[in-house]
Amino acid sequence: MRICHGLLGEVVEIEDRELQWQKPIDIIRHHVRDRWQVDVDDLIVLVGSGGVLGPTSGAEELGSARDVFIFLRSALDPQASSGDDATKAALYGAFAAEGVEDEAEGEEEATVALADALRMVAPLADDPVFETFRCNIAEARRRLAEVRPAMTLATRLEARLEVQRLAVQAVLDNLTSHRATCSRSLALFLQKYERVQERLDQNLNKVEASMEALHAVPLHPAVKSAGRECLADAVPRDRILRFTTNLQAERGRLAQQLDRLRQQDSLVQNLCDQAATKVHQLLQDTAVESCTEVIRQHHVRAMNELLPALNVRVPLGGTESALVLEEERRCAGVMEGLAQLCREMLGQLDDLRDCWQRRIASFLQRLREVSYTQSKVRGVERQAALLEEEINVQHKSSQQLDHLQKMPKAYQKAMGEVGRRRAFRARYTAQSDQARSKLARMMEDENNERRGFVHRYGCHLPTDLVRGLGALVPPVTVEVPEFDAQLPDLGPPASSSQEEASASCSAGDAVRQRRRTSSSSTSTPVAGAVTGAAAALGGAIAAAAAAATAALA
């Protein structure tokens, strides 16, 4: 896994095996704190696909590239200047330490190139004629040392620029994904809004027709009263009209809010398009690459063309002075070209630094614009969520109007339900009376059996021999609480006569009267009889015990 500083382009390599026992975000925070000394709570972490890496994200969200890009939330503050600490840190990371390895590599390459020239003049080291050649070689070495930082910086920035481009692409993907998600959510919300409004239109258009239908439904005589002749009289018409008026007003207010939301979404879309365009322009900016390419070409020319040209082309055995002078003039021209080339490289070094600084400032500005745009996108999402809650309330209010359409059928079902419940009540009361009678008969039969046993056998036994043997079955009380007493009496079904209805009512009243009298009669006389029988049984047992004792004596 690679942890990349999105602004600096620096990279920290991490072994993948660390992901086996730690969450990616914990590993990233640890290494970021050690490498860049930043507050880990200020981090924004993006994966290569543009997604945000959070505390609950797993290793599978890193993608195949295993690259993550970090940004500082504080650096995205629009009030921050372009020359803040982040820019300075980026410049410092690029220019401060030029790298010992890169310098050693450049030094070795220049030394190899100059070695050939030195070998040509080494046998003539004491000859003053060749002093100019030796000076040229020393001058070439000095000039190459001067331009070595330019080549080192160009090499470094090429690597960092590649990482930075990946970070820019991740930022662009994040913006595009966020906006696409918002657009999908808003489209679904608009579809829901249209469905709710369509249903509301249907319900509002049926209010008058439903009220007319209620006038055509007469009330049953049992539920009629003064001023209530039909089902419409039982409905608060004024309240319904006020309710529909309020719904219309609420509908207009929600329509205005939706128009404002659409306008805000359109503005946000323009902001997203502008931000994405500028980010694309940043990706296509090749100013830094142009500078590095020029430096690299100059360096290649110096190493492969000018340095080999410094080789002395004079026979070691001696030659004419004119040939030596000609060779000196040629080497002087080569040195002049090398000096000009080195001056251009140093000039390109300043241009490269300026280009890098401008790119860092531009990247920071693009990041702030993207952050601002995403805040606006989140604002649209919040407004849509609030408006959706109001749409849900409107939908529930619209559903209240369905009651008017379903009221005639519900009234007919209610009348049938009243008849069914009254019939059940009659059956339930009759069953309770039967149960009361059956239990009373069982009690009488059992108590007769017990009295017979006492008279025939129990009187011969001691009273404390078998405790409870003289007890009788207590009377039972079956009570049915009153229920459905407020249901109106709708009379018999349509096929029955008025006499049958009266008989049914009388029978019901008689059953209820018998239940009350039976309950009271079984709870007092029977209890007295049981008490007397128990007393008689006790006296008989006592007398029998006394007689047995006298006989034994």
Protein backbone atom coordinates (compact mmCIF):
# COMPACT_ATOMS: atom_id res chain seq x y z
CA MET A 1 0.00 0.00 0.00
CA ARG A 2 1.18 3.52 -0.78
CA ILE A 3 0.30 6.50 1.41
CA CYS A 4 0.56 9.56 -0.83
CA HIS A 5 0.52 13.17 0.25
CA GLY A 6 -1.89 14.61 -2.29
CA LEU A 7 -0.32 18.08 -2.30
CA LEU A 8 3.38 17.26 -1.88
CA GLY A 9 3.43 14.15 -4.04
CA GLU A 10 5.50 12.30 -1.44
CA VAL A 11 4.95 8.58 -0.94
CA VAL A 12 5.29 6.25 2.05
CA GLU A 13 5.42 2.56 1.16
CA ILE A 14 3.61 0.20 3.55
CA GLU A 15 3.74 -3.59 3.60
CA ASP A 16 0.39 -5.17 2.77
CA ARG A 17 0.73 -7.65 5.60
CA GLU A 18 0.09 -4.84 8.10
CA LEU A 19 -3.49 -4.75 6.82
CA GLN A 20 -4.07 -8.24 8.19
CA TRP A 21 -4.32 -7.14 11.82
CA GLN A 22 -5.02 -3.41 11.64
CA LYS A 23 -7.59 -1.23 9.96
CA PRO A 24 -6.27 0.83 7.03
CA ILE A 25 -7.19 4.15 8.64
CA ASP A 26 -5.22 3.31 11.81
CA ILE A 27 -2.13 2.42 9.76
CA ILE A 28 -2.44 5.60 7.72
CA ARG A 29 -2.79 7.82 10.77
CA HIS A 30 0.25 6.26 12.41
CA HIS A 31 2.56 6.71 9.42
CA VAL A 32 1.22 10.16 8.52
CA ARG A 33 1.86 11.39 12.05
CA ASP A 34 5.43 10.06 11.95
CA ARG A 35 6.25 11.28 8.43
CA TRP A 36 4.60 14.69 8.15
CA GLN A 37 3.88 15.59 11.81
CA VAL A 38 0.26 16.59 11.16
CA ASP A 39 -2.87 16.31 13.27
CA VAL A 40 -4.52 13.01 12.34
CA ASP A 41 -7.95 14.46 13.16
CA ASP A 42 -7.38 16.98 10.35
CA LEU A 43 -6.98 14.29 7.68
CA ILE A 44 -9.16 13.60 4.67
CA VAL A 45 -8.26 10.24 3.13
CA LEU A 46 -9.28 9.31 -0.42
CA VAL A 47 -8.70 6.01 -2.19
CA GLY A 48 -7.66 5.80 -5.81
CA SER A 49 -11.26 5.49 -7.02
CA GLY A 50 -12.26 8.72 -5.27
CA GLY A 51 -14.06 7.18 -2.31
CA VAL A 52 -13.53 8.38 1.24
CA LEU A 53 -11.71 6.00 3.58
CA GLY A 54 -13.39 6.07 6.99
CA PRO A 55 -12.90 4.40 10.38
CA THR A 56 -15.03 1.41 9.39
CA SER A 57 -13.49 0.90 5.94
CA GLY A 58 -11.72 -2.38 5.26
CA ALA A 59 -8.75 -3.31 3.12
CA GLU A 60 -11.03 -4.31 0.24
CA GLU A 61 -11.99 -0.65 -0.27
CA LEU A 62 -8.40 0.27 -1.16
CA GLY A 63 -8.82 -1.15 -4.64
CA SER A 64 -6.24 -2.94 -6.74
CA ALA A 65 -3.83 0.01 -6.90
CA ARG A 66 -3.55 0.18 -3.09
CA ASP A 67 -3.01 3.95 -3.23
CA VAL A 68 -4.48 6.36 -0.69
CA PHE A 69 -4.19 10.14 -0.81
CA ILE A 70 -4.24 12.37 2.23
CA PHE A 71 -5.30 16.01 2.41
CA LEU A 72 -5.53 18.45 5.30
CA ARG A 73 -8.98 19.75 6.07
CA SER A 74 -7.55 22.98 7.46
CA ALA A 75 -5.77 23.68 4.15
CA LEU A 76 -9.17 23.70 2.38
CA ASP A 77 -10.35 26.74 4.30
CA PRO A 78 -11.31 29.38 1.70
CA GLN A 79 -9.98 32.09 4.03
CA ALA A 80 -6.47 30.62 3.95
CA SER A 81 -3.96 32.33 1.64
CA SER A 82 -2.22 30.57 -1.20
CA GLY A 83 1.14 31.09 0.50
CA ASP A 84 0.24 29.31 3.69
CA ASP A 85 2.14 26.58 5.47
CA ALA A 86 0.97 23.90 3.05
CA THR A 87 2.55 25.68 0.10
CA LYS A 88 5.73 26.31 2.03
CA ALA A 89 5.87 22.70 3.08
CA ALA A 90 5.46 21.60 -0.54
CA LEU A 91 8.26 23.87 -1.68
CA TYR A 92 10.47 22.78 1.17
CA GLY A 93 9.85 19.13 0.38
CA ALA A 94 10.90 19.75 -3.23
CA PHE A 95 13.96 22.00 -2.73
CA ALA A 96 15.38 21.61 0.79
CA ALA A 97 17.12 18.22 0.68
CA GLU A 98 18.39 17.46 -2.79
CA GLY A 99 19.24 13.86 -1.98
CA VAL A 100 22.66 12.39 -1.54
CA GLU A 101 21.92 9.44 -3.80
CA ASP A 102 20.79 11.62 -6.71
CA GLU A 103 23.87 13.82 -6.33
CA ALA A 104 26.15 10.79 -6.22
CA GLU A 105 24.51 9.40 -9.35
CA GLY A 106 24.98 12.71 -11.23
CA GLU A 107 28.54 13.04 -9.99
CA GLU A 108 29.41 9.53 -11.17
CA GLU A 109 27.88 10.17 -14.62
CA ALA A 110 29.83 13.43 -15.07
CA THR A 111 33.05 11.83 -13.80
CA VAL A 112 32.80 9.01 -16.32
CA ALA A 113 32.21 11.51 -19.12
CA LEU A 114 35.21 13.62 -18.10
CA ALA A 115 37.48 10.64 -17.52
CA ASP A 116 37.98 10.10 -21.23
CA ALA A 117 39.09 13.70 -21.69
CA LEU A 118 41.46 13.46 -18.74
CA ARG A 119 43.04 10.30 -20.11
CA MET A 120 43.87 12.16 -23.31
CA VAL A 121 45.77 14.94 -21.54
CA ALA A 122 47.22 12.91 -18.65
CA PRO A 123 50.41 11.86 -20.54
CA LEU A 124 50.99 15.55 -21.34
CA ALA A 125 50.33 16.83 -17.87
CA ASP A 126 53.71 18.62 -17.73
CA ASP A 127 53.42 20.16 -21.17
CA PRO A 128 52.34 23.86 -20.85
CA VAL A 129 50.83 23.68 -24.32
CA PHE A 130 48.01 21.50 -22.99
CA GLU A 131 47.28 23.68 -19.96
CA THR A 132 44.26 25.11 -21.77
CA PHE A 133 42.77 21.65 -22.20
CA ARG A 134 43.24 20.90 -18.53
CA CYS A 135 41.55 24.17 -17.60
CA ASN A 136 38.66 23.40 -19.93
CA ILE A 137 38.09 20.07 -18.21
CA ALA A 138 38.15 21.66 -14.76
CA GLU A 139 35.77 24.36 -15.96
CA ALA A 140 33.42 21.73 -17.39
CA ARG A 141 33.41 19.87 -14.08
CA ARG A 142 32.60 23.06 -12.19
CA ARG A 143 29.76 23.98 -14.50
CA LEU A 144 28.23 20.52 -14.33
CA ALA A 145 28.34 20.72 -10.54
CA GLU A 146 26.44 24.00 -10.73
CA VAL A 147 23.61 22.55 -12.81
CA ARG A 148 23.38 19.25 -10.95
CA PRO A 149 20.61 20.58 -8.59
CA ALA A 150 18.49 21.39 -11.63
CA MET A 151 18.67 17.82 -12.87
CA THR A 152 18.09 16.46 -9.37
CA LEU A 153 15.03 18.65 -8.90
CA ALA A 154 13.68 17.76 -12.34
CA THR A 155 13.97 14.04 -11.54
CA ARG A 156 12.26 14.45 -8.20
CA LEU A 157 9.43 16.58 -9.49
CA GLU A 158 8.68 14.13 -12.29
CA ALA A 159 8.03 11.40 -9.71
CA ARG A 160 6.05 13.69 -7.43
CA LEU A 161 4.08 15.12 -10.31
CA GLU A 162 2.91 11.64 -11.27
CA VAL A 163 1.65 11.03 -7.73
CA GLN A 164 0.04 14.45 -7.65
CA ARG A 165 -1.82 13.71 -10.89
CA LEU A 166 -3.24 10.56 -9.32
CA ALA A 167 -4.36 12.65 -6.34
CA VAL A 168 -6.02 15.22 -8.63
CA GLN A 169 -7.84 12.42 -10.43
CA ALA A 170 -9.02 11.00 -7.09
CA VAL A 171 -10.37 14.43 -6.11
CA LEU A 172 -12.18 14.71 -9.45
CA ASP A 173 -13.65 11.22 -9.09
CA ASN A 174 -14.80 12.04 -5.56
CA LEU A 175 -16.57 15.19 -6.76
CA THR A 176 -18.17 13.37 -9.70
CA SER A 177 -19.34 10.48 -7.52
CA HIS A 178 -20.76 12.79 -4.87
CA ARG A 179 -22.64 14.83 -7.43
CA ALA A 180 -23.95 11.70 -9.20
CA THR A 181 -25.24 10.32 -5.89
CA CYS A 182 -26.97 13.61 -5.12
CA SER A 183 -28.53 13.70 -8.59
CA ARG A 184 -29.88 10.16 -8.26
CA SER A 185 -31.34 10.91 -4.83
CA LEU A 186 -32.93 14.11 -6.10
CA ALA A 187 -34.39 12.33 -9.13
CA LEU A 188 -35.98 9.68 -6.87
CA PHE A 189 -37.30 12.43 -4.61
CA LEU A 190 -38.88 14.25 -7.57
CA GLN A 191 -40.52 11.02 -8.72
CA LYS A 192 -41.96 10.54 -5.24
CA TYR A 193 -43.16 14.14 -5.20
CA GLU A 194 -44.97 13.68 -8.52
CA ARG A 195 -46.66 10.51 -7.28
CA VAL A 196 -47.83 12.22 -4.09
CA GLN A 197 -49.18 15.22 -6.02
CA GLU A 198 -50.97 12.97 -8.47
CA ARG A 199 -52.61 11.08 -5.62
CA LEU A 200 -53.49 14.33 -3.89
CA ASP A 201 -55.16 15.63 -7.06
CA GLN A 202 -57.25 12.49 -7.30
CA ASN A 203 -58.38 12.73 -3.68
CA LEU A 204 -59.18 16.43 -3.88
CA ASN A 205 -61.19 15.95 -7.06
CA LYS A 206 -63.26 13.22 -5.40
CA VAL A 207 -64.19 15.19 -2.27
CA GLU A 208 -67.38 16.70 -3.67
CA ALA A 209 -68.44 13.45 -5.32
CA SER A 210 -67.83 11.59 -2.06
CA MET A 211 -69.90 14.11 -0.12
CA GLU A 212 -72.78 13.65 -2.60
CA ALA A 213 -72.51 9.90 -2.22
CA LEU A 214 -72.82 10.28 1.55
CA HIS A 215 -76.13 12.18 1.08
CA ALA A 216 -77.49 9.14 -0.75
CA VAL A 217 -76.89 6.81 2.22
CA PRO A 218 -79.76 7.05 4.79
CA LEU A 219 -79.02 6.23 8.40
CA HIS A 220 -80.67 3.33 10.21
CA PRO A 221 -83.56 4.38 12.42
CA ALA A 222 -81.65 3.15 15.44
CA VAL A 223 -78.83 5.65 14.85
CA LYS A 224 -80.91 8.53 13.55
CA SER A 225 -81.35 11.65 15.59
CA ALA A 226 -82.45 15.23 15.12
CA GLY A 227 -80.54 16.67 12.19
CA ARG A 228 -78.93 13.32 11.31
CA GLU A 229 -80.96 11.67 8.59
CA CYS A 230 -78.22 10.55 6.20
CA LEU A 231 -74.57 9.63 6.42
CA ALA A 232 -73.49 13.06 5.22
CA ASP A 233 -75.08 14.63 8.31
CA ALA A 234 -72.66 12.66 10.51
CA VAL A 235 -69.62 14.16 8.74
CA PRO A 236 -68.24 17.62 9.74
CA ARG A 237 -68.43 19.19 6.30
CA ASP A 238 -66.95 22.52 7.40
CA ARG A 239 -63.91 20.85 8.91
CA ILE A 240 -63.39 18.81 5.77
CA LEU A 241 -63.55 21.92 3.60
CA ARG A 242 -61.04 23.71 5.86
CA PHE A 243 -58.83 20.62 5.73
CA THR A 244 -58.85 20.56 1.93
CA THR A 245 -58.20 24.32 1.80
CA ASN A 246 -55.19 23.91 4.05
CA LEU A 247 -53.96 21.06 1.88
CA GLN A 248 -54.16 23.29 -1.18
CA ALA A 249 -52.23 26.06 0.58
CA GLU A 250 -49.62 23.58 1.81
CA ARG A 251 -49.33 22.20 -1.67
CA GLY A 252 -48.58 25.65 -3.09
CA ARG A 253 -45.97 26.31 -0.40
CA LEU A 254 -44.24 22.99 -1.10
CA ALA A 255 -44.27 23.74 -4.83
CA GLN A 256 -42.45 27.02 -4.18
CA GLN A 257 -39.89 25.27 -1.99
CA LEU A 258 -39.39 22.66 -4.69
CA ASP A 259 -38.80 25.38 -7.29
CA ARG A 260 -36.17 26.95 -5.05
CA LEU A 261 -34.58 23.54 -4.56
CA ARG A 262 -34.43 23.02 -8.31
CA GLN A 263 -32.84 26.42 -8.79
CA GLN A 264 -30.31 25.68 -6.07
CA ASP A 265 -29.57 22.30 -7.65
CA SER A 266 -29.05 23.98 -11.03
CA LEU A 267 -26.58 26.43 -9.48
CA VAL A 268 -24.77 23.58 -7.77
CA GLN A 269 -24.58 21.71 -11.08
CA ASN A 270 -22.96 24.76 -12.67
CA LEU A 271 -20.50 24.95 -9.77
CA CYS A 272 -19.67 21.27 -10.20
CA ASP A 273 -19.15 21.69 -13.92
CA GLN A 274 -16.89 24.71 -13.40
CA ALA A 275 -14.88 22.97 -10.68
CA ALA A 276 -14.54 19.81 -12.79
CA THR A 277 -13.41 21.88 -15.79
CA LYS A 278 -10.73 23.60 -13.75
CA VAL A 279 -9.55 20.29 -12.32
CA HIS A 280 -9.32 18.90 -15.85
CA GLN A 281 -7.27 21.92 -16.83
CA LEU A 282 -4.96 21.23 -13.91
CA LEU A 283 -4.56 17.65 -15.10
CA GLN A 284 -3.69 18.90 -18.60
CA ASP A 285 -1.22 21.52 -17.36
CA THR A 286 2.22 20.53 -18.66
CA ALA A 287 4.27 23.55 -17.57
CA VAL A 288 6.30 21.55 -15.06
CA GLU A 289 6.84 18.70 -17.51
CA SER A 290 8.02 21.16 -20.16
CA CYS A 291 10.63 22.61 -17.80
CA THR A 292 11.83 19.19 -16.68
CA GLU A 293 11.99 17.99 -20.28
CA VAL A 294 14.13 20.98 -21.33
CA ILE A 295 16.49 20.42 -18.40
CA ARG A 296 16.71 16.73 -19.20
CA GLN A 297 17.43 17.40 -22.89
CA HIS A 298 20.15 19.93 -22.01
CA HIS A 299 21.68 17.48 -19.57
CA VAL A 300 21.65 14.67 -22.13
CA ARG A 301 23.26 16.94 -24.70
CA ALA A 302 25.91 18.01 -22.22
CA MET A 303 26.73 14.45 -21.22
CA ASN A 304 26.48 12.76 -24.61
CA GLU A 305 27.60 15.50 -26.98
CA LEU A 306 29.60 18.32 -25.39
CA LEU A 307 31.62 16.40 -22.82
CA PRO A 308 32.88 13.82 -25.36
CA ALA A 309 33.77 16.76 -27.61
CA LEU A 310 36.34 17.90 -25.03
CA ASN A 311 38.52 14.92 -25.88
CA VAL A 312 41.87 16.22 -27.18
CA ARG A 313 42.40 15.20 -30.79
CA VAL A 314 46.19 15.80 -30.90
CA PRO A 315 48.72 12.98 -31.46
CA LEU A 316 50.79 12.27 -28.39
CA GLY A 317 53.97 12.14 -30.43
CA GLY A 318 53.76 15.83 -31.19
CA THR A 319 52.21 17.86 -33.93
CA GLU A 320 52.29 21.25 -35.53
CA SER A 321 51.32 24.32 -33.51
CA ALA A 322 48.62 25.21 -36.01
CA LEU A 323 46.88 21.91 -35.28
CA VAL A 324 47.13 22.53 -31.55
CA LEU A 325 45.71 26.02 -31.98
CA GLU A 326 42.90 24.64 -34.08
CA GLU A 327 42.13 22.06 -31.36
CA GLU A 328 42.17 24.81 -28.74
CA ARG A 329 39.71 26.88 -30.75
CA ARG A 330 37.46 23.85 -31.17
CA CYS A 331 37.53 23.09 -27.42
CA ALA A 332 36.88 26.74 -26.66
CA GLY A 333 33.78 26.57 -28.83
CA VAL A 334 32.67 23.42 -27.04
CA MET A 335 33.21 25.12 -23.68
CA GLU A 336 31.26 28.13 -24.85
CA GLY A 337 28.41 25.85 -25.86
CA LEU A 338 28.63 24.01 -22.54
CA ALA A 339 28.63 27.28 -20.63
CA GLN A 340 25.60 28.52 -22.58
CA LEU A 341 23.84 25.22 -22.01
CA CYS A 342 24.53 25.35 -18.26
CA ARG A 343 23.27 28.93 -18.08
CA GLU A 344 20.06 27.84 -19.79
CA MET A 345 19.70 24.95 -17.36
CA LEU A 346 20.10 27.30 -14.40
CA GLY A 347 17.50 29.58 -15.96
CA GLN A 348 15.22 26.60 -16.43
CA LEU A 349 15.76 25.72 -12.75
CA ASP A 350 14.26 29.04 -11.72
CA ASP A 351 11.41 28.53 -14.17
CA LEU A 352 10.86 25.03 -12.79
CA ARG A 353 10.62 26.34 -9.26
CA ASP A 354 8.15 29.00 -10.35
CA CYS A 355 6.07 26.46 -12.29
CA TRP A 356 5.98 24.08 -9.32
CA GLN A 357 5.00 26.86 -6.97
CA ARG A 358 2.23 27.98 -9.30
CA ARG A 359 1.02 24.40 -9.66
CA ILE A 360 0.90 23.93 -5.89
CA ALA A 361 -1.05 27.18 -5.50
CA SER A 362 -3.38 26.18 -8.34
CA PHE A 363 -3.94 22.74 -6.83
CA LEU A 364 -4.76 24.30 -3.48
CA GLN A 365 -7.23 26.63 -5.12
CA ARG A 366 -8.87 23.76 -6.99
CA LEU A 367 -9.13 21.78 -3.76
CA ARG A 368 -10.84 24.69 -2.04
CA GLU A 369 -13.23 25.12 -4.93
CA VAL A 370 -14.08 21.43 -4.86
CA SER A 371 -14.58 21.56 -1.09
CA TYR A 372 -16.86 24.59 -1.44
CA THR A 373 -18.82 22.90 -4.23
CA GLN A 374 -19.28 19.73 -2.20
CA SER A 375 -20.56 21.78 0.73
CA LYS A 376 -23.19 23.18 -1.63
CA VAL A 377 -24.03 19.66 -2.80
CA ARG A 378 -24.52 18.60 0.81
CA GLY A 379 -26.74 21.66 1.27
CA VAL A 380 -28.97 20.47 -1.58
CA GLU A 381 -29.12 17.01 -0.01
CA ARG A 382 -30.14 18.46 3.36
CA GLN A 383 -32.82 20.65 1.78
CA ALA A 384 -34.16 17.68 -0.17
CA ALA A 385 -34.28 15.57 3.02
CA LEU A 386 -36.22 18.28 4.88
CA LEU A 387 -38.59 18.73 1.97
CA GLU A 388 -39.13 14.98 1.75
CA GLU A 389 -40.29 14.94 5.37
CA GLU A 390 -42.88 17.57 4.53
CA ILE A 391 -43.91 15.55 1.48
CA ASN A 392 -44.43 12.53 3.73
CA VAL A 393 -46.68 14.62 5.99
CA GLN A 394 -48.63 15.79 2.94
CA HIS A 395 -48.99 12.20 1.77
CA LYS A 396 -50.42 11.15 5.14
CA SER A 397 -52.83 14.07 5.07
CA SER A 398 -53.89 13.12 1.55
CA GLN A 399 -54.64 9.61 2.73
CA GLN A 400 -57.18 11.04 5.20
CA LEU A 401 -59.40 11.95 2.25
CA ASP A 402 -59.66 8.25 1.37
CA HIS A 403 -62.02 7.87 4.33
CA LEU A 404 -64.71 9.84 2.52
CA GLN A 405 -64.62 7.50 -0.45
CA LYS A 406 -64.71 4.36 1.69
CA MET A 407 -67.29 5.62 4.20
CA PRO A 408 -70.50 4.27 2.50
CA LYS A 409 -69.14 0.75 2.32
CA ALA A 410 -67.70 1.04 5.81
CA TYR A 411 -71.13 2.13 7.12
CA GLN A 412 -72.84 -0.93 5.60
CA LYS A 413 -70.16 -3.16 7.09
CA ALA A 414 -70.61 -1.43 10.46
CA MET A 415 -74.32 -2.19 10.48
CA GLY A 416 -73.58 -5.82 9.75
CA GLU A 417 -70.94 -5.85 12.48
CA VAL A 418 -73.46 -4.48 15.03
CA GLY A 419 -75.92 -7.28 14.21
CA ARG A 420 -73.17 -9.90 14.42
CA ARG A 421 -72.00 -8.65 17.81
CA ARG A 422 -75.53 -8.56 19.26
CA ALA A 423 -76.11 -12.11 18.04
CA PHE A 424 -72.87 -13.20 19.65
CA ARG A 425 -73.86 -11.52 22.90
CA ALA A 426 -77.12 -13.44 22.95
CA ARG A 427 -75.38 -16.74 22.32
CA TYR A 428 -72.71 -15.95 24.89
CA THR A 429 -75.33 -15.13 27.57
CA ALA A 430 -77.31 -18.27 26.79
CA GLN A 431 -74.20 -20.41 27.12
CA SER A 432 -73.39 -18.83 30.47
CA ASP A 433 -76.92 -19.59 31.72
CA GLN A 434 -76.61 -23.20 30.61
CA ALA A 435 -73.26 -23.51 32.32
CA ARG A 436 -74.71 -22.04 35.52
CA SER A 437 -77.63 -24.49 35.51
CA LYS A 438 -75.42 -27.48 34.77
CA LEU A 439 -72.96 -26.62 37.54
CA ALA A 440 -75.84 -26.13 40.02
CA ARG A 441 -77.19 -29.59 39.18
CA MET A 442 -73.74 -31.14 39.55
CA MET A 443 -73.38 -29.44 42.96
CA GLU A 444 -76.75 -30.75 44.19
CA ASP A 445 -76.00 -34.30 43.01
CA GLU A 446 -72.59 -34.33 44.65
CA ASN A 447 -73.86 -32.91 47.94
CA ASN A 448 -76.63 -35.54 48.08
CA GLU A 449 -74.01 -38.26 47.66
CA ARG A 450 -71.92 -36.76 50.47
CA ARG A 451 -74.87 -36.48 52.84
CA GLY A 452 -75.76 -40.14 52.20
CA PHE A 453 -72.23 -41.19 53.04
CA VAL A 454 -72.28 -39.24 56.29
CA HIS A 455 -75.58 -40.73 57.40
CA ARG A 456 -74.60 -44.29 56.56
CA TYR A 457 -70.90 -44.46 57.42
CA GLY A 458 -69.47 -41.19 58.59
CA CYS A 459 -71.45 -41.10 61.77
CA HIS A 460 -69.54 -44.15 63.03
CA LEU A 461 -66.10 -42.57 62.73
CA PRO A 462 -64.23 -40.17 65.03
CA THR A 463 -64.47 -36.56 63.91
CA ASP A 464 -60.70 -36.03 63.64
CA LEU A 465 -59.94 -39.27 61.85
CA VAL A 466 -60.23 -37.89 58.30
CA ARG A 467 -60.23 -34.15 58.21
CA GLY A 468 -62.52 -32.50 55.62
CA LEU A 469 -64.63 -35.60 55.13
CA GLY A 470 -67.78 -33.73 56.09
CA ALA A 471 -67.31 -30.84 53.68
CA LEU A 472 -69.85 -30.09 50.94
CA VAL A 473 -69.36 -28.67 47.42
CA PRO A 474 -69.66 -24.87 47.57
CA PRO A 475 -72.08 -23.09 45.25
CA VAL A 476 -70.67 -21.71 42.00
CA THR A 477 -71.21 -18.24 40.65
CA VAL A 478 -70.98 -17.60 36.89
CA GLU A 479 -70.78 -13.89 36.20
CA VAL A 480 -70.76 -12.35 32.71
CA PRO A 481 -69.69 -8.66 32.70
CA GLU A 482 -71.77 -6.30 30.67
CA PHE A 483 -70.39 -5.66 27.19
CA ASP A 484 -71.65 -4.19 23.94
CA ALA A 485 -74.46 -2.59 25.90
CA GLN A 486 -74.17 0.65 23.93
CA LEU A 487 -74.63 -1.01 20.53
CA PRO A 488 -77.90 0.07 18.97
CA ASP A 489 -80.67 -2.46 18.52
CA LEU A 490 -81.02 -2.74 14.79
CA GLY A 491 -83.92 -5.20 15.08
CA PRO A 492 -84.22 -8.52 13.26
CA PRO A 493 -82.80 -9.17 9.81
CA ALA A 494 -84.75 -7.91 6.81
CA SER A 495 -86.55 -11.26 6.34
CA SER A 496 -87.95 -11.41 9.93
CA SER A 497 -91.18 -9.86 11.13
CA GLN A 498 -91.65 -7.21 13.80
CA GLU A 499 -93.21 -9.82 16.16
CA GLU A 500 -90.13 -12.02 15.89
CA ALA A 501 -87.99 -9.03 16.72
CA SER A 502 -90.06 -8.22 19.81
CA ALA A 503 -90.00 -11.86 20.92
CA SER A 504 -86.27 -11.97 20.46
CA CYS A 505 -85.82 -8.84 22.56
CA SER A 506 -88.16 -10.23 25.25
CA ALA A 507 -86.32 -13.53 25.25
CA GLY A 508 -83.04 -11.72 25.64
CA ASP A 509 -84.39 -9.69 28.53
CA ALA A 510 -85.83 -12.82 30.17
CA VAL A 511 -82.50 -14.61 29.85
CA ARG A 512 -80.67 -11.71 31.44
CA GLN A 513 -83.29 -11.57 34.27
CA ARG A 514 -82.95 -15.32 34.93
CA ARG A 515 -79.18 -14.97 35.03
CA ARG A 516 -79.40 -12.26 37.68
CA THR A 517 -82.00 -14.11 39.87
CA SER A 518 -80.21 -17.46 39.49
CA SER A 519 -76.96 -15.95 40.60
CA SER A 520 -78.51 -14.43 43.73
CA SER A 521 -80.58 -17.54 44.57
CA THR A 522 -77.67 -19.94 44.28
CA SER A 523 -75.46 -17.77 46.37
CA THR A 524 -77.75 -17.50 49.52
CA PRO A 525 -80.23 -20.44 50.04
CA VAL A 526 -77.80 -23.07 48.85
CA ALA A 527 -75.11 -21.65 51.08
CA GLY A 528 -77.50 -21.85 54.09
CA ALA A 529 -78.40 -25.43 53.26
CA VAL A 530 -74.78 -26.42 53.00
CA THR A 531 -74.00 -24.77 56.33
CA GLY A 532 -76.89 -26.62 58.08
CA ALA A 533 -75.88 -29.94 56.56
CA ALA A 534 -72.34 -29.50 57.71
CA ALA A 535 -73.51 -28.70 61.25
CA ALA A 536 -75.80 -31.77 61.31
CA LEU A 537 -72.99 -33.97 60.02
CA GLY A 538 -70.69 -32.73 62.76
CA GLY A 539 -73.29 -33.42 65.51
CA ALA A 540 -73.97 -36.91 64.21
CA ILE A 541 -70.31 -37.80 64.16
CA ALA A 542 -69.89 -36.49 67.73
CA ALA A 543 -72.87 -38.48 69.03
CA ALA A 544 -71.64 -41.67 67.38
CA ALA A 545 -68.22 -41.25 68.91
CA ALA A 546 -69.71 -40.76 72.42
CA ALA A 547 -71.90 -43.87 72.10
CA ALA A 548 -68.94 -45.97 71.00
CA THR A 549 -66.90 -44.79 73.96
CA ALA A 550 -69.68 -45.61 76.48
CA ALA A 551 -70.10 -49.08 75.04
CA LEU A 552 -66.40 -49.82 75.35
CA ALA A 553 -66.41 -48.57 78.92
